[in-house]
C-alpha atoms as a PDB file:
ATOM      1  CA  UNK A   1      82.206 117.885  95.504  1.00  0.00           C
ATOM      2  CA  UNK A   2      84.274 114.891  96.631  1.00  0.00           C
ATOM      3  CA  UNK A   3      81.539 112.295  96.139  1.00  0.00           C
ATOM      4  CA  UNK A   4      82.637 111.221  92.658  1.00  0.00           C
ATOM      5  CA  UNK A   5      84.508 107.877  92.841  1.00  0.00           C
ATOM      6  CA  UNK A   6      86.151 108.574  89.483  1.00  0.00           C
ATOM      7  CA  UNK A   7      88.540 111.189  90.875  1.00  0.00           C
ATOM      8  CA  UNK A   8      90.416 108.977  93.398  1.00  0.00           C
ATOM      9  CA  UNK A   9      90.656 106.203  90.806  1.00  0.00           C
ATOM     10  CA  UNK A  10      92.261 108.595  88.322  1.00  0.00           C
ATOM     11  CA  UNK A  11      94.612 109.826  91.064  1.00  0.00           C
ATOM     12  CA  UNK A  12      95.583 106.230  91.865  1.00  0.00           C
ATOM     13  CA  UNK A  13      96.314 105.402  88.211  1.00  0.00           C
ATOM     14  CA  UNK A  14      98.403 108.542  87.741  1.00  0.00           C
ATOM     15  CA  UNK A  15     100.356 107.858  90.925  1.00  0.00           C
ATOM     16  CA  UNK A  16     100.948 104.288  89.724  1.00  0.00           C
ATOM     17  CA  UNK A  17     102.483 105.707  86.535  1.00  0.00           C
ATOM     18  CA  UNK A  18     104.605 108.041  88.674  1.00  0.00           C
ATOM     19  CA  UNK A  19     105.703 105.136  90.821  1.00  0.00           C
ATOM     20  CA  UNK A  20     106.826 103.265  87.703  1.00  0.00           C
ATOM     21  CA  UNK A  21     108.882 106.332  86.787  1.00  0.00           C
ATOM     22  CA  UNK A  22     110.413 106.354  90.267  1.00  0.00           C
ATOM     23  CA  UNK A  23     111.259 102.655  90.040  1.00  0.00           C
ATOM     24  CA  UNK A  24     112.887 103.247  86.676  1.00  0.00           C
ATOM     25  CA  UNK A  25     114.983 106.019  88.222  1.00  0.00           C
ATOM     26  CA  UNK A  26     116.004 103.677  91.047  1.00  0.00           C
ATOM     27  CA  UNK A  27     117.009 100.912  88.646  1.00  0.00           C
ATOM     28  CA  UNK A  28     119.075 103.336  86.585  1.00  0.00           C
ATOM     29  CA  UNK A  29     120.619 104.751  89.804  1.00  0.00           C
ATOM     30  CA  UNK A  30     119.586 108.301  88.938  1.00  0.00           C
ATOM     31  CA  UNK A  31     118.986 110.789  91.742  1.00  0.00           C
ATOM     32  CA  UNK A  32     115.467 111.261  93.019  1.00  0.00           C
ATOM     33  CA  UNK A  33     114.224 107.728  92.450  1.00  0.00           C
ATOM     34  CA  UNK A  34     113.576 106.974  96.101  1.00  0.00           C
ATOM     35  CA  UNK A  35     111.868 110.341  96.625  1.00  0.00           C
ATOM     36  CA  UNK A  36     109.527 109.842  93.663  1.00  0.00           C
ATOM     37  CA  UNK A  37     108.719 106.255  94.636  1.00  0.00           C
ATOM     38  CA  UNK A  38     108.024 107.151  98.254  1.00  0.00           C
ATOM     39  CA  UNK A  39     105.854 110.127  97.441  1.00  0.00           C
ATOM     40  CA  UNK A  40     103.818 108.152  94.900  1.00  0.00           C
ATOM     41  CA  UNK A  41     103.183 105.413  97.472  1.00  0.00           C
ATOM     42  CA  UNK A  42     101.875 108.085  99.839  1.00  0.00           C
ATOM     43  CA  UNK A  43      99.631 109.485  97.092  1.00  0.00           C
ATOM     44  CA  UNK A  44      98.301 105.976  96.426  1.00  0.00           C
ATOM     45  CA  UNK A  45      97.449 105.551 100.113  1.00  0.00           C
ATOM     46  CA  UNK A  46      95.608 108.878 100.083  1.00  0.00           C
ATOM     47  CA  UNK A  47      93.695 107.856  96.948  1.00  0.00           C
ATOM     48  CA  UNK A  48      92.668 104.518  98.482  1.00  0.00           C
ATOM     49  CA  UNK A  49      91.476 106.150 101.704  1.00  0.00           C
ATOM     50  CA  UNK A  50      89.616 108.780  99.670  1.00  0.00           C
ATOM     51  CA  UNK A  51      87.925 106.061  97.600  1.00  0.00           C
ATOM     52  CA  UNK A  52      86.910 104.153 100.743  1.00  0.00           C
ATOM     53  CA  UNK A  53      85.352 107.315 102.173  1.00  0.00           C
ATOM     54  CA  UNK A  54      83.479 108.035  98.936  1.00  0.00           C
ATOM     55  CA  UNK A  55      82.138 104.479  98.696  1.00  0.00           C
ATOM     56  CA  UNK A  56      81.125 104.477 102.379  1.00  0.00           C
ATOM     57  CA  UNK A  57      79.233 107.756 101.971  1.00  0.00           C
ATOM     58  CA  UNK A  58      77.351 106.572  98.893  1.00  0.00           C
ATOM     59  CA  UNK A  59      76.131 103.415 100.702  1.00  0.00           C
ATOM     60  CA  UNK A  60      74.061 105.538 103.138  1.00  0.00           C
END
């Protein structure tokens, strides 16, 4: 189920777009910018770890 490397890559790209939104909110000094940016960085870390696990499992 989780052996497709396409899914974490899509998650990473979507979280990158969300992080750009959060950075825009921070630049404009709107509320929630830091929350969005921080949560998207955490999602990117999860996507990278997920991709590493998928690639490591497919090498076996």
